[in-house]
Structure formats: structure tokens, C-alpha cells
Protein backbone atom coordinates (compact mmCIF):
# COMPACT_ATOMS: atom_id res chain seq x y z
CA UNK A 1 102.22 100.31 182.02
CA UNK A 2 105.98 100.06 182.47
CA UNK A 3 108.42 101.39 179.91
CA UNK A 4 110.55 98.25 180.21
CA UNK A 5 111.26 96.49 176.90
CA UNK A 6 108.86 93.76 175.87
CA UNK A 7 109.79 90.09 176.10
CA UNK A 8 108.08 86.80 175.32
CA UNK A 9 106.30 86.81 178.69
CA UNK A 10 104.92 90.32 178.33
CA UNK A 11 103.78 89.38 174.82
CA UNK A 12 101.90 86.38 176.28
CA UNK A 13 100.32 88.46 179.03
CA UNK A 14 99.36 91.22 176.57
CA UNK A 15 97.60 88.62 174.41
CA UNK A 16 95.86 87.06 177.43
CA UNK A 17 94.58 90.46 178.54
CA UNK A 18 93.53 91.46 175.04
CA UNK A 19 91.51 88.30 174.34
CA UNK A 20 89.85 88.32 177.76
CA UNK A 21 91.51 85.18 179.08
CA UNK A 22 92.61 87.17 182.12
CA UNK A 23 91.72 90.62 183.41
CA UNK A 24 93.91 90.43 186.51
CA UNK A 25 97.44 88.99 186.63
CA UNK A 26 98.61 86.86 189.54
CA UNK A 27 102.18 85.55 189.66
CA UNK A 28 104.09 83.90 192.48
CA UNK A 29 107.61 83.46 193.80
CA UNK A 30 107.92 79.98 195.38
CA UNK A 31 111.38 79.50 196.98
CA UNK A 32 112.37 76.45 198.96
CA UNK A 33 113.39 77.55 202.49
CA UNK A 34 116.51 75.37 202.43
CA UNK A 35 119.15 78.06 202.00
CA UNK A 36 119.67 81.76 201.35
CA UNK A 37 118.60 83.27 198.04
CA UNK A 38 121.31 83.98 195.47
CA UNK A 39 121.77 86.13 192.39
CA UNK A 40 119.77 83.70 190.24
CA UNK A 41 116.80 84.08 192.58
CA UNK A 42 117.15 87.86 192.27
CA UNK A 43 116.37 87.50 188.59
CA UNK A 44 113.26 85.44 189.34
CA UNK A 45 112.14 87.89 192.03
CA UNK A 46 112.51 90.87 189.71
CA UNK A 47 110.67 89.02 186.96
CA UNK A 48 107.70 87.72 188.96
CA UNK A 49 107.20 90.78 191.14
CA UNK A 50 108.08 93.09 188.26
CA UNK A 51 105.42 91.60 185.95
CA UNK A 52 102.83 91.92 188.70
CA UNK A 53 103.75 95.59 189.12
CA UNK A 54 103.81 96.20 185.38
CA UNK A 55 100.24 94.91 184.94
CA UNK A 56 98.83 96.18 188.27
CA UNK A 57 98.47 92.59 189.40
CA UNK A 58 99.63 90.62 192.41
CA UNK A 59 102.62 88.43 193.23
CA UNK A 60 102.39 85.88 196.02
CA UNK A 61 105.28 84.74 198.17
CA UNK A 62 104.84 81.03 198.77
CA UNK A 63 107.41 78.89 200.52
CA UNK A 64 107.71 75.47 198.92
CA UNK A 65 108.19 73.77 202.27
CA UNK A 66 107.69 70.10 201.38
CA UNK A 67 111.09 68.89 202.62
CA UNK A 68 111.29 69.80 206.34
CA UNK A 69 114.59 67.94 206.86
CA UNK A 70 116.48 70.72 205.05
CA UNK A 71 114.31 73.72 205.91
CA UNK A 72 114.48 76.24 208.74
CA UNK A 73 112.94 79.46 210.02
CA UNK A 74 116.29 81.19 209.49
CA UNK A 75 115.94 80.67 205.75
CA UNK A 76 112.31 81.81 205.77
CA UNK A 77 113.24 85.03 207.56
CA UNK A 78 116.21 85.73 205.28
CA UNK A 79 114.15 85.23 202.12
CA UNK A 80 111.49 87.69 203.27
CA UNK A 81 114.19 90.25 204.15
CA UNK A 82 115.84 89.82 200.73
CA UNK A 83 112.61 90.42 198.83
CA UNK A 84 111.81 93.55 200.80
CA UNK A 85 115.36 94.86 200.39
CA UNK A 86 115.09 94.42 196.63
CA UNK A 87 112.10 96.74 196.77
CA UNK A 88 109.16 94.37 196.41
CA UNK A 89 106.16 93.43 198.53
CA UNK A 90 104.10 90.28 198.15
CA UNK A 91 100.32 90.27 198.03
CA UNK A 92 98.57 89.48 201.30
CA UNK A 93 100.10 87.21 203.89
CA UNK A 94 103.10 84.96 203.38
CA UNK A 95 101.93 81.64 201.98
CA UNK A 96 103.25 78.13 202.54
CA UNK A 97 102.76 74.98 200.51
CA UNK A 98 102.27 73.30 203.89
CA UNK A 99 99.09 75.36 204.32
CA UNK A 100 97.63 73.25 201.51
CA UNK A 101 98.63 69.85 202.91
CA UNK A 102 95.00 69.03 203.81
CA UNK A 103 93.81 69.94 200.32
CA UNK A 104 96.68 68.05 198.69
CA UNK A 105 95.86 64.98 200.75
CA UNK A 106 92.28 65.14 199.49
CA UNK A 107 93.57 65.53 195.92
CA UNK A 108 95.68 62.39 196.43
CA UNK A 109 92.58 60.49 197.59
CA UNK A 110 90.74 61.76 194.51
CA UNK A 111 93.43 60.30 192.24
CA UNK A 112 93.36 56.96 194.08
CA UNK A 113 89.57 56.72 193.85
CA UNK A 114 89.73 57.45 190.11
CA UNK A 115 92.37 54.79 189.57
CA UNK A 116 95.08 57.36 188.82
CA UNK A 117 97.37 56.65 191.80
CA UNK A 118 98.61 53.64 193.73
CA UNK A 119 100.74 52.73 196.72
CA UNK A 120 104.03 51.23 195.55
CA UNK A 121 106.32 49.12 197.74
CA UNK A 122 109.34 49.05 195.48
CA UNK A 123 112.53 50.09 197.25
CA UNK A 124 114.23 53.22 195.93
CA UNK A 125 116.80 51.02 194.19
CA UNK A 126 114.12 48.86 192.59
CA UNK A 127 112.13 51.93 191.55
CA UNK A 128 115.17 53.30 189.71
CA UNK A 129 115.61 49.97 187.92
CA UNK A 130 111.96 49.82 186.92
CA UNK A 131 112.01 53.43 185.70
CA UNK A 132 114.13 52.64 182.63
CA UNK A 133 116.49 55.05 180.89
CA UNK A 134 116.35 57.85 178.38
CA UNK A 135 116.59 55.28 175.58
CA UNK A 136 114.69 52.37 177.15
CA UNK A 137 111.11 52.41 178.49
CA UNK A 138 110.41 51.58 182.10
CA UNK A 139 108.27 48.72 183.27
CA UNK A 140 105.22 48.70 185.47
CA UNK A 141 105.55 48.23 189.19
CA UNK A 142 104.17 44.86 190.41
CA UNK A 143 101.98 46.95 192.77
CA UNK A 144 100.49 49.09 189.99
CA UNK A 145 97.24 47.12 189.62
CA UNK A 146 96.15 47.10 193.23
CA UNK A 147 92.47 47.79 193.82
CA UNK A 148 91.20 51.23 194.78
CA UNK A 149 90.17 49.89 198.18
CA UNK A 150 93.60 48.42 198.91
CA UNK A 151 95.35 51.63 197.84
CA UNK A 152 93.05 53.74 200.04
CA UNK A 153 93.76 51.52 203.04
CA UNK A 154 97.53 51.49 202.47
CA UNK A 155 97.62 55.26 201.97
CA UNK A 156 95.71 55.71 205.23
CA UNK A 157 98.28 53.51 206.95
CA UNK A 158 101.04 55.68 205.48
CA UNK A 159 99.31 58.75 206.87
CA UNK A 160 98.93 57.17 210.33
CA UNK A 161 102.64 56.37 210.48
CA UNK A 162 102.23 52.59 210.41
CA UNK A 163 105.12 52.16 207.97
CA UNK A 164 108.80 52.98 208.28
CA UNK A 165 110.44 55.54 206.02
CA UNK A 166 111.19 54.11 202.58
CA UNK A 167 108.75 51.23 202.98
CA UNK A 168 106.34 52.58 200.34
CA UNK A 169 105.24 55.65 198.43
CA UNK A 170 102.19 56.92 196.59
CA UNK A 171 102.73 57.19 192.84
CA UNK A 172 100.68 58.57 189.97
CA UNK A 173 99.57 56.01 187.37
CA UNK A 174 100.54 57.61 184.06
CA UNK A 175 102.82 55.89 181.54
CA UNK A 176 106.00 53.93 182.30
CA UNK A 177 106.89 53.97 178.60
CA UNK A 178 106.62 57.72 178.18
CA UNK A 179 109.66 59.35 176.54
CA UNK A 180 109.29 62.04 179.22
CA UNK A 181 110.83 60.51 182.34
CA UNK A 182 108.73 62.78 184.56
CA UNK A 183 105.58 60.96 183.43
CA UNK A 184 106.81 57.49 184.40
CA UNK A 185 104.57 57.11 187.43
CA UNK A 186 106.11 59.90 189.52
CA UNK A 187 106.06 59.82 193.31
CA UNK A 188 103.30 61.91 194.92
CA UNK A 189 103.95 61.17 198.60
CA UNK A 190 106.87 59.80 200.62
CA UNK A 191 107.04 58.82 204.26
CA UNK A 192 109.13 61.31 206.26
CA UNK A 193 108.88 61.07 210.03
CA UNK A 194 110.19 64.57 210.57
CA UNK A 195 108.64 67.45 212.52
CA UNK A 196 107.69 70.28 210.16
CA UNK A 197 108.54 73.89 211.00
CA UNK A 198 104.98 74.98 210.19
CA UNK A 199 102.73 71.95 210.78
CA UNK A 200 104.61 70.30 213.63
CA UNK A 201 104.07 66.54 213.88
CA UNK A 202 100.67 66.50 212.15
CA UNK A 203 102.07 64.76 209.08
CA UNK A 204 104.51 61.93 208.54
CA UNK A 205 103.93 61.87 204.78
CA UNK A 206 104.96 64.77 202.61
CA UNK A 207 103.98 65.58 199.00
CA UNK A 208 106.55 65.89 196.23
CA UNK A 209 107.37 69.21 194.61
CA UNK A 210 105.66 68.23 191.34
CA UNK A 211 102.45 67.24 193.12
CA UNK A 212 102.44 70.38 195.24
CA UNK A 213 103.37 73.06 192.77
CA UNK A 214 100.53 73.19 190.25
CA UNK A 215 97.77 72.59 192.78
CA UNK A 216 99.13 75.33 195.05
CA UNK A 217 99.16 77.68 192.06
CA UNK A 218 95.54 76.74 191.33
CA UNK A 219 94.43 77.23 194.93
CA UNK A 220 95.96 80.72 194.89
CA UNK A 221 94.45 81.73 191.55
CA UNK A 222 97.83 82.14 189.89
CA UNK A 223 97.42 83.01 186.22
CA UNK A 224 101.02 82.77 184.99
CA UNK A 225 103.30 80.27 186.75
CA UNK A 226 106.79 81.34 185.70
CA UNK A 227 109.79 79.11 186.33
CA UNK A 228 113.19 78.34 184.83
CA UNK A 229 113.87 76.10 181.85
CA UNK A 230 114.85 73.04 183.85
CA UNK A 231 111.13 72.66 184.65
CA UNK A 232 110.07 72.63 181.01
CA UNK A 233 109.95 68.81 180.96
CA UNK A 234 107.83 68.94 184.13
CA UNK A 235 105.11 70.99 182.44
CA UNK A 236 103.20 67.96 181.00
CA UNK A 237 103.01 66.56 184.53
CA UNK A 238 101.91 69.96 185.90
CA UNK A 239 99.10 69.96 183.34
CA UNK A 240 98.23 66.27 183.91
CA UNK A 241 97.51 66.94 187.58
CA UNK A 242 95.42 70.03 186.81
CA UNK A 243 93.38 68.06 184.27
CA UNK A 244 92.80 65.14 186.63
CA UNK A 245 91.91 67.11 189.77
CA UNK A 246 88.94 69.31 190.74
CA UNK A 247 91.05 72.45 191.05
CA UNK A 248 89.43 75.92 191.12
CA UNK A 249 91.41 77.15 188.09
CA UNK A 250 94.09 76.04 185.67
CA UNK A 251 97.22 78.18 185.72
CA UNK A 252 99.61 78.04 182.80
CA UNK A 253 103.32 77.35 183.31
CA UNK A 254 105.94 79.28 181.31
CA UNK A 255 109.70 78.84 181.43
CA UNK A 256 112.54 81.32 181.05
CA UNK A 257 116.32 80.91 180.99
CA UNK A 258 117.88 80.94 184.43
CA UNK A 259 120.60 83.43 185.26
CA UNK A 260 124.08 81.91 185.01
CA UNK A 261 127.01 84.18 185.87
CA UNK A 262 130.69 83.39 185.35
CA UNK A 263 133.16 83.24 188.26
CA UNK A 264 130.15 82.24 190.38
CA UNK A 265 128.61 79.15 191.97
CA UNK A 266 124.86 79.24 192.66
CA UNK A 267 124.09 75.66 193.66
CA UNK A 268 122.61 75.83 197.18
CA UNK A 269 124.34 72.57 198.00
CA UNK A 270 127.71 74.01 197.03
CA UNK A 271 127.05 77.32 198.75
CA UNK A 272 126.13 75.42 201.91
CA UNK A 273 129.41 73.54 201.66
CA UNK A 274 131.30 76.84 201.61
CA UNK A 275 129.47 77.81 204.79
CA UNK A 276 129.76 74.44 206.54
CA UNK A 277 133.48 74.14 205.83
CA UNK A 278 134.12 77.72 207.03
CA UNK A 279 135.50 78.86 203.68
CA UNK A 280 133.31 81.92 204.21
CA UNK A 281 131.96 83.47 207.40
CA UNK A 282 128.35 82.56 206.61
CA UNK A 283 125.59 82.80 204.01
CA UNK A 284 125.88 86.59 204.19
CA UNK A 285 129.63 86.71 203.67
CA UNK A 286 130.22 89.61 201.23
CA UNK A 287 132.02 87.24 198.84
CA UNK A 288 128.96 85.01 198.50
CA UNK A 289 126.60 85.42 195.51
CA UNK A 290 123.68 85.42 197.95
CA UNK A 291 121.42 88.45 198.01
CA UNK A 292 122.25 89.01 201.68
CA UNK A 293 125.97 88.71 200.90
CA UNK A 294 125.72 91.25 198.08
CA UNK A 295 123.73 93.56 200.35
CA UNK A 296 126.38 93.31 203.06
CA UNK A 297 129.06 94.04 200.49
CA UNK A 298 127.32 97.31 199.70
CA UNK A 299 125.78 96.46 196.34
CA UNK A 300 122.71 98.70 195.99
CA UNK A 301 119.35 97.02 195.45
CA UNK A 302 118.80 99.32 192.47
CA UNK A 303 122.03 98.07 190.86
CA UNK A 304 120.88 94.47 191.22
CA UNK A 305 117.48 95.30 189.74
CA UNK A 306 119.12 97.19 186.87
CA UNK A 307 121.43 94.24 186.24
CA UNK A 308 118.46 91.88 185.98
CA UNK A 309 116.84 94.27 183.50
CA UNK A 310 120.07 94.43 181.48
CA UNK A 311 120.25 90.62 181.28
CA UNK A 312 116.72 90.50 179.90
CA UNK A 313 114.18 87.68 179.82
CA UNK A 314 114.37 84.98 177.18
CA UNK A 315 114.43 81.24 176.65
CA UNK A 316 118.06 80.88 175.59
CA UNK A 317 120.47 79.55 178.20
CA UNK A 318 123.80 81.30 178.42
CA UNK A 319 126.40 82.67 180.80
CA UNK A 320 126.43 86.34 181.75
CA UNK A 321 129.76 88.08 182.36
CA UNK A 322 130.11 89.18 185.97
CA UNK A 323 131.51 92.41 184.54
CA UNK A 324 127.93 93.35 183.58
CA UNK A 325 126.95 93.32 187.25
CA UNK A 326 130.09 95.28 188.13
CA UNK A 327 129.09 97.88 185.53
CA UNK A 328 125.61 98.21 187.02
CA UNK A 329 127.10 98.60 190.51
CA UNK A 330 129.54 101.32 189.45
CA UNK A 331 126.84 103.17 187.50
CA UNK A 332 124.53 103.27 190.52
CA UNK A 333 127.18 104.14 193.10
CA UNK A 334 128.90 106.74 190.94
CA UNK A 335 125.57 108.50 190.61
CA UNK A 336 124.38 108.29 194.20
CA UNK A 337 127.23 107.46 196.61
CA UNK A 338 128.55 110.41 198.64
CA UNK A 339 132.28 110.99 198.57
CA UNK A 340 134.58 110.62 201.55
CA UNK A 341 138.29 110.15 202.27
CA UNK A 342 139.98 107.08 203.65
CA UNK A 343 143.67 106.25 204.07
CA UNK A 344 144.20 102.50 203.82
CA UNK A 345 147.98 102.43 204.35
CA UNK A 346 148.73 105.49 206.47
CA UNK A 347 151.86 107.58 206.54
CA UNK A 348 151.85 110.39 209.08
CA UNK A 349 152.62 113.91 207.84
CA UNK A 350 153.58 116.58 210.39
CA UNK A 351 153.39 120.23 209.34
CA UNK A 352 156.26 122.34 210.54
CA UNK A 353 154.71 125.75 209.91
CA UNK A 354 151.40 125.44 211.78
CA UNK A 355 150.79 125.16 215.52
CA UNK A 356 150.33 121.78 217.24
CA UNK A 357 146.84 122.79 218.37
CA UNK A 358 145.83 124.05 214.94
CA UNK A 359 142.28 123.11 213.97
CA UNK A 360 140.78 124.46 210.79
CA UNK A 361 137.59 123.28 209.11
CA UNK A 362 137.74 123.03 205.35
CA UNK A 363 134.76 122.36 203.12
CA UNK A 364 134.35 119.62 200.52
CA UNK A 365 131.36 118.67 198.37
CA UNK A 366 129.40 115.56 199.29
CA UNK A 367 129.22 114.75 195.58
CA UNK A 368 131.23 116.64 192.94
CA UNK A 369 128.38 116.58 190.41
CA UNK A 370 125.41 117.07 192.73
CA UNK A 371 125.26 120.42 194.50
CA UNK A 372 121.92 119.43 196.01
CA UNK A 373 123.71 116.84 198.16
CA UNK A 374 125.45 119.69 199.98
CA UNK A 375 128.91 119.87 201.50
CA UNK A 376 130.84 118.36 204.39
CA UNK A 377 133.33 119.88 206.83
CA UNK A 378 136.73 118.30 207.32
CA UNK A 379 139.13 119.08 210.19
CA UNK A 380 142.61 120.08 209.05
CA UNK A 381 145.15 119.66 211.85
CA UNK A 382 148.87 119.78 212.69
CA UNK A 383 149.21 116.11 211.77
CA UNK A 384 147.45 114.21 209.02
CA UNK A 385 147.67 110.82 207.33
CA UNK A 386 148.25 110.28 203.63
CA UNK A 387 148.56 106.97 201.84
CA UNK A 388 152.10 105.57 201.63
CA UNK A 389 151.61 105.02 197.92
CA UNK A 390 151.16 108.78 197.53
CA UNK A 391 154.75 109.61 198.53
CA UNK A 392 158.10 108.79 197.00
CA UNK A 393 161.64 109.74 197.94
CA UNK A 394 162.66 109.37 194.31
CA UNK A 395 163.02 112.95 193.10
CA UNK A 396 163.81 111.73 189.58
CA UNK A 397 160.21 110.63 189.01
CA UNK A 398 158.62 112.72 186.30
CA UNK A 399 155.43 114.62 186.99
CA UNK A 400 153.77 112.70 184.17
CA UNK A 401 154.50 109.31 185.73
CA UNK A 402 153.99 110.19 189.38
CA UNK A 403 151.37 112.84 190.09
CA UNK A 404 151.72 112.63 193.85
CA UNK A 405 154.09 113.85 196.54
CA UNK A 406 157.86 113.76 196.03
CA UNK A 407 160.55 115.04 198.36
CA UNK A 408 161.10 118.74 197.81
CA UNK A 409 158.03 119.12 195.60
CA UNK A 410 154.41 120.16 195.97
CA UNK A 411 151.04 118.43 195.93
CA UNK A 412 147.51 119.56 196.76
CA UNK A 413 145.51 117.92 199.50
CA UNK A 414 141.94 117.38 198.34
CA UNK A 415 139.80 120.42 199.33
CA UNK A 416 142.68 121.78 201.46
CA UNK A 417 146.19 123.22 201.20
CA UNK A 418 149.02 122.82 198.78
CA UNK A 419 151.87 121.24 200.76
CA UNK A 420 155.58 120.68 200.25
CA UNK A 421 157.51 117.60 201.41
CA UNK A 422 160.64 118.63 203.29
CA UNK A 423 162.01 115.82 205.48
CA UNK A 424 161.68 112.07 205.91
CA UNK A 425 161.90 110.38 209.34
CA UNK A 426 162.90 106.70 209.35
CA UNK A 427 163.17 103.98 211.97
CA UNK A 428 166.21 101.80 212.67
CA UNK A 429 165.23 99.45 209.81
CA UNK A 430 165.16 102.30 207.34
CA UNK A 431 161.38 102.34 207.03
CA UNK A 432 159.70 105.72 206.66
CA UNK A 433 157.60 106.39 209.76
CA UNK A 434 156.91 110.10 209.35
CA UNK A 435 157.07 112.88 206.82
CA UNK A 436 157.72 116.54 207.66
CA UNK A 437 156.09 119.07 205.37
CA UNK A 438 154.88 122.64 205.18
CA UNK A 439 151.61 124.14 203.98
CA UNK A 440 151.51 126.90 201.42
CA UNK A 441 149.47 129.61 203.09
CA UNK A 442 146.36 130.90 201.36
CA UNK A 443 145.91 127.92 199.07
CA UNK A 444 142.67 126.50 200.49
CA UNK A 445 140.24 126.93 197.61
CA UNK A 446 142.76 129.13 195.78
CA UNK A 447 145.62 128.73 193.36
CA UNK A 448 149.16 128.74 194.80
CA UNK A 449 151.55 131.66 194.16
CA UNK A 450 153.27 131.91 190.82
CA UNK A 451 156.12 129.42 190.51
CA UNK A 452 154.45 126.75 192.66
CA UNK A 453 152.84 124.03 190.58
CA UNK A 454 151.49 121.01 192.46
CA UNK A 455 152.09 117.60 190.87
CA UNK A 456 148.51 116.48 191.55
CA UNK A 457 145.84 115.98 194.19
CA UNK A 458 145.93 113.36 196.96
CA UNK A 459 143.50 112.38 199.73
CA UNK A 460 144.17 112.71 203.44
CA UNK A 461 142.63 112.38 206.90
CA UNK A 462 143.34 114.30 210.11
CA UNK A 463 145.52 112.22 212.45
CA UNK A 464 143.94 113.62 215.63
CA UNK A 465 140.32 113.95 214.47
CA UNK A 466 140.09 111.05 212.05
CA UNK A 467 138.44 107.74 212.88
CA UNK A 468 140.36 104.48 212.96
CA UNK A 469 138.74 101.70 210.95
CA UNK A 470 139.08 98.12 209.85
CA UNK A 471 138.64 97.75 206.11
CA UNK A 472 137.88 94.43 204.47
CA UNK A 473 138.98 94.36 200.86
CA UNK A 474 137.01 91.73 198.96
CA UNK A 475 137.67 90.18 195.57
CA UNK A 476 135.97 87.43 193.59
CA UNK A 477 135.62 84.20 195.55
CA UNK A 478 136.70 82.11 192.56
CA UNK A 479 139.56 82.72 190.14
CA UNK A 480 138.17 80.41 187.44
CA UNK A 481 135.52 81.51 184.95
CA UNK A 482 133.52 78.29 185.36
CA UNK A 483 134.42 76.95 188.82
CA UNK A 484 131.72 74.25 188.93
CA UNK A 485 131.90 72.92 185.38
CA UNK A 486 133.56 69.67 184.37
CA UNK A 487 134.89 67.06 186.77
CA UNK A 488 136.98 69.37 188.95
CA UNK A 489 135.96 70.07 192.53
CA UNK A 490 134.82 73.70 192.53
CA UNK A 491 136.75 74.21 195.78
CA UNK A 492 140.00 73.89 193.80
CA UNK A 493 139.22 77.21 192.14
CA UNK A 494 138.91 79.33 195.29
CA UNK A 495 140.72 82.65 195.03
CA UNK A 496 143.28 82.75 197.88
CA UNK A 497 143.23 86.55 197.71
CA UNK A 498 139.46 86.99 197.96
CA UNK A 499 139.78 88.76 201.34
CA UNK A 500 142.38 91.11 202.77
CA UNK A 501 141.80 92.69 206.18
CA UNK A 502 143.39 96.08 206.83
CA UNK A 503 143.30 97.03 210.51
CA UNK A 504 145.11 100.38 210.66
CA UNK A 505 143.02 102.53 208.33
CA UNK A 506 141.77 106.07 208.92
CA UNK A 507 138.60 107.69 207.64
CA UNK A 508 137.28 111.20 207.90
CA UNK A 509 135.18 111.89 211.03
CA UNK A 510 131.42 111.53 210.85
CA UNK A 511 131.31 108.15 209.15
CA UNK A 512 131.30 106.29 212.46
CA UNK A 513 127.85 107.64 213.39
CA UNK A 514 126.18 106.74 210.10
CA UNK A 515 123.92 103.68 209.86
CA UNK A 516 125.09 100.29 208.58
CA UNK A 517 125.00 99.80 204.80
CA UNK A 518 125.85 103.47 204.19
CA UNK A 519 127.95 103.57 201.01
CA UNK A 520 130.75 105.92 199.93
CA UNK A 521 133.21 106.47 197.18
CA UNK A 522 136.63 106.82 198.78
CA UNK A 523 139.04 108.95 196.79
CA UNK A 524 140.90 106.81 194.24
CA UNK A 525 140.20 103.64 196.26
CA UNK A 526 136.73 102.55 195.18
CA UNK A 527 133.33 102.11 196.75
CA UNK A 528 132.90 100.97 200.35
CA UNK A 529 130.08 100.52 202.83
CA UNK A 530 129.71 100.32 206.59
CA UNK A 531 129.39 96.69 207.64
CA UNK A 532 125.94 95.80 208.93
CA UNK A 533 126.71 92.69 210.97
CA UNK A 534 130.09 92.86 212.66
CA UNK A 535 129.76 93.64 216.35
CA UNK A 536 132.98 91.90 217.39
CA UNK A 537 135.20 94.80 216.36
CA UNK A 538 135.71 97.76 218.67
CA UNK A 539 136.21 100.08 215.73
CA UNK A 540 134.37 100.99 212.56
CA UNK A 541 134.29 98.17 209.99
CA UNK A 542 134.03 98.93 206.27
CA UNK A 543 133.58 96.51 203.38
CA UNK A 544 134.92 97.20 199.92
CA UNK A 545 132.11 96.91 197.40
CA UNK A 546 134.04 97.37 194.17
CA UNK A 547 137.00 99.24 192.75
CA UNK A 548 136.72 102.27 190.51
CA UNK A 549 137.95 100.24 187.52
CA UNK A 550 137.64 96.65 186.37
CA UNK A 551 140.95 94.95 187.21
CA UNK A 552 139.66 91.52 186.07
CA UNK A 553 139.21 92.75 182.52
CA UNK A 554 142.84 93.83 182.50
CA UNK A 555 143.89 90.44 183.91
CA UNK A 556 142.06 88.64 181.11
CA UNK A 557 143.48 90.80 178.34
């Protein structure tokens, strides 16, 4: 049994196991393959697969592929990759709702024969009019009282493709006056003359989600069908079908609050618009809230799982602060990410008191708090790069305010020498292009002589042995806390500074041979990872995952 805190779902499962209702738990994750999974799906994945793990049960992966016009193999492949990356494995083979189309068709015939379904020829506009409103009951379709024989013949004609799209549909015969709109004779089948990515051109009628979902659960032996709260009003329909049909078992549906995160849009339609309008580079753009985008940005799978645990499972809708995810990311990376050095805005430093061919290997820990991670060797050479922000010509700056390099003063290079700034070289425009300095001998791993007190410690990279890199600095895609609320177009709230590309960066050698997705903490800069997709660049490409501190909290305060 897991040591995770209990929630209303674990309480239900505990009771079901205790009273003998179930002795083996089967859950399922049923995504539609019409887009990439996002952070909200991550919560559902962790919940469904996590419960199965917690109770030594099984979790099925079933693609709800009832709308082939919007589905593709690309989405199917990406969803499987996302689940595996998060650390989960589904039971048995991948399942598809389309695998049950034959059984669902027989279930539809069963309803027709029992007088519980009919072929309706109302147009979509007429059907909406007949459906009524939240305050007014609907009225029966004029085709509702057709005979069983006529409905069977018409449904067979639908299946054969004798009718055009939109000409008719198969509807359940329930209650047009029900206060629950989902029970007002919902559509079971529509005509769609579209080739399906799994079944080809076998079918030209496709079942609705509501008609597919519960019966697929039953055919798979699902015990606990867990979905988000927007499906709560669909539960009576889910149960109506199970009661009316000869299904092998009767799963129970339970609803939990979906994950809503501020500064984020999770509508697949809106995410697709960002992709289609080239606002982002694709579904896996590191600014996207998709699982593949977060992975490419360098967010560890463990951090995403921990975040989902932190959010918890309940039935109260709310909005989670994105800062909670940021906290989980920093916690995980601070603990496990190796350290490295990177200069984002380089300023060359030339040492006047060592030879031009000088090469000395200095040692630095891979992680300052984890000796077991070992050490790394760094080449110290005649020329190095430091960050421009780490040097100032202003000698009046106090040591308290500026703990970096100042003309005529000392600073320590991380894991290397204490150095002294001696001369500035400028171009014709007065811009500093080079700094001349000297090393204080004997200060690698040792204190400097008496009277020499370095201002602080700065990072550096060898100019001759370092590796040139492109660094993509990412920020939040939206600068509004609720970009898709209200009447505003969410595109109005795009953050114009969500991506900055730095081409002339230098990192310590060795990083260029490491595999994609390798993560690091760069000294004072934040956490970065090696990009996993970009093959267009001739040099190493790094993505910024997150800064060392939360700048958005400071902006809000």
C-alpha cells in the first residue's frame, strides 16, 4: 500500500475492497487522440495509473477515437510517449474505442429492438430547437414513435452509407422533459463519411462519446471509471446505458476536480490555434503546457508527479498557482541536477601572468551537497570568458552591493584562482571588448595571501576549450493570470518576452556529448537542459527550464 495521503477515491476503493465488491482494481485513462496531452491530463494520468499501482491493480490505456476527422497517429504516438515518460505503463496492449465498434453496433441494435432508440431525421438546427433549454422542457421528435422495424431498416441504411452526412442520426429514447439535458434523447450515432485511422473505411457511422464510454469500460472490466467534474451530469446517462444493455459488468463512474492552473491555457482547441498560427514552434514548444513541451523544457517527470500529489484529489474546483509547479521543479532539480558553468553574455578575460599555451585542469564537484556524484575537471587557460554583468569599471561600488569583479580589485573564479582586474580594452565605440587580469598564484583550492580579500565568487568558462552554445531563455507564455477567462481573446495576453534566443554563449566542455534532456544548474543563472529536438543548429542548444528564484512573485508584490 502506498504512503500517499488518503482522498475520497481511496476511501471509496478501500470500502469496495473491504466489503468484497471488488478484489481487483481496474482503472483506465481514455484520452481523445486529437491533440497533445497537457498538464491537466498529467493529473489524470497520475491519478488513474497511481491508484492502480497503489492497489496492485491495472490501468488500461484506451484511445477514445470516435471522431476520426480530428484524430491522427501523431497524437496517438505522442500520448503513449508522454505516459511512459511520466513513469507509468498500461496493462496489456493499447486499447481503442474503435476496437469495440462491432460490439457497440450490436448494443445499438439491442436498444432499437427494445424500443429504447430511434432514427431521427431532424436537422441539427431543428434538434437544438426541440431540445429545449435549461428552464424549458424539450419536445419529442416527430420521428420518435417509429416502429422497431422501420428504425432497424433506417439504421441499416445509415450503416451502408445510403444517407448523406447530417441526414439523420440514431438517438436514445429517454425523456425530453428531463431537467438533465444529457437525458433528452441524446445522439448515439452520427453519419461521418471519413476514413478512420484504425478501422479504415469499414464504418461511415460513428458512436458518440457518451454511448461509447460506459460500454467500453464494461467490456474492459473497469471497476472505477474516474473522470473530471464536467462529466458529473453525464453519469445518469452512463448508468442508463449500462442498465439497458447486456454488458458483462457495471463499472461505477466517479468525478474529481480537474486541474486548472493560472497563467495557462489548456483547451486543446486554443493550444492548436497557438500551433496553427505559429505563435509557438509546435505542440512540444517548451512554452506550451503540454507534457511534451514541459519535457523539452527540462521539467523532470518526478517534479510533475510531485506537483500532482501536492495539488491533491478532491471534488472542489479551483485554480492552482503556477508557482506551486515552479516550487516542485526547483525542489527536484536542486536535489538531483549536476552543476555546470555557462556564460550567457561573454566578456573575454586575458591573463597577463600565465603563458598563452597554459592548460591546467582544476577540479569542481558535480553537486556541492552530494559527494557520491563525484567531481568534474575544468580546463583553465590563458583566456577565459566571464559574464559581462560580473564586471564593473566603477571602483566606487561597495563590496556589499557588488560582490563581483571591479577594476583594480580581486574576485575568485569558481573552483579556480583568485584574479585581479588590471586593464580594460575598448573598441572605437567605447564598448568593453576585453579585460586584462592576473591570477594570484597558489590560490586554487587555497586562501589568498594576507591582504588579498576577494569580493566574491563568479563563474567562468575557458575561451579555447569551452563549447559555444545557443541558449533559449523561456518565460511564461501568457502575462495574464487568467488568459482565457471573460470575453477577451486569450491571444491578447501573450507575453512578448516569452522567448529570448542567445547565440553567443559558452559552456564548460563535456556538455556537448551528453544526451538530450540532460539537466544542469548553471551557476547563478538557473536550471537548463540540452534540447532534444533541434537539429537545425550547428552548435549545442540549451533550453532554460526555470530560474533559481521566482521573479513572477516579485512582479506581483
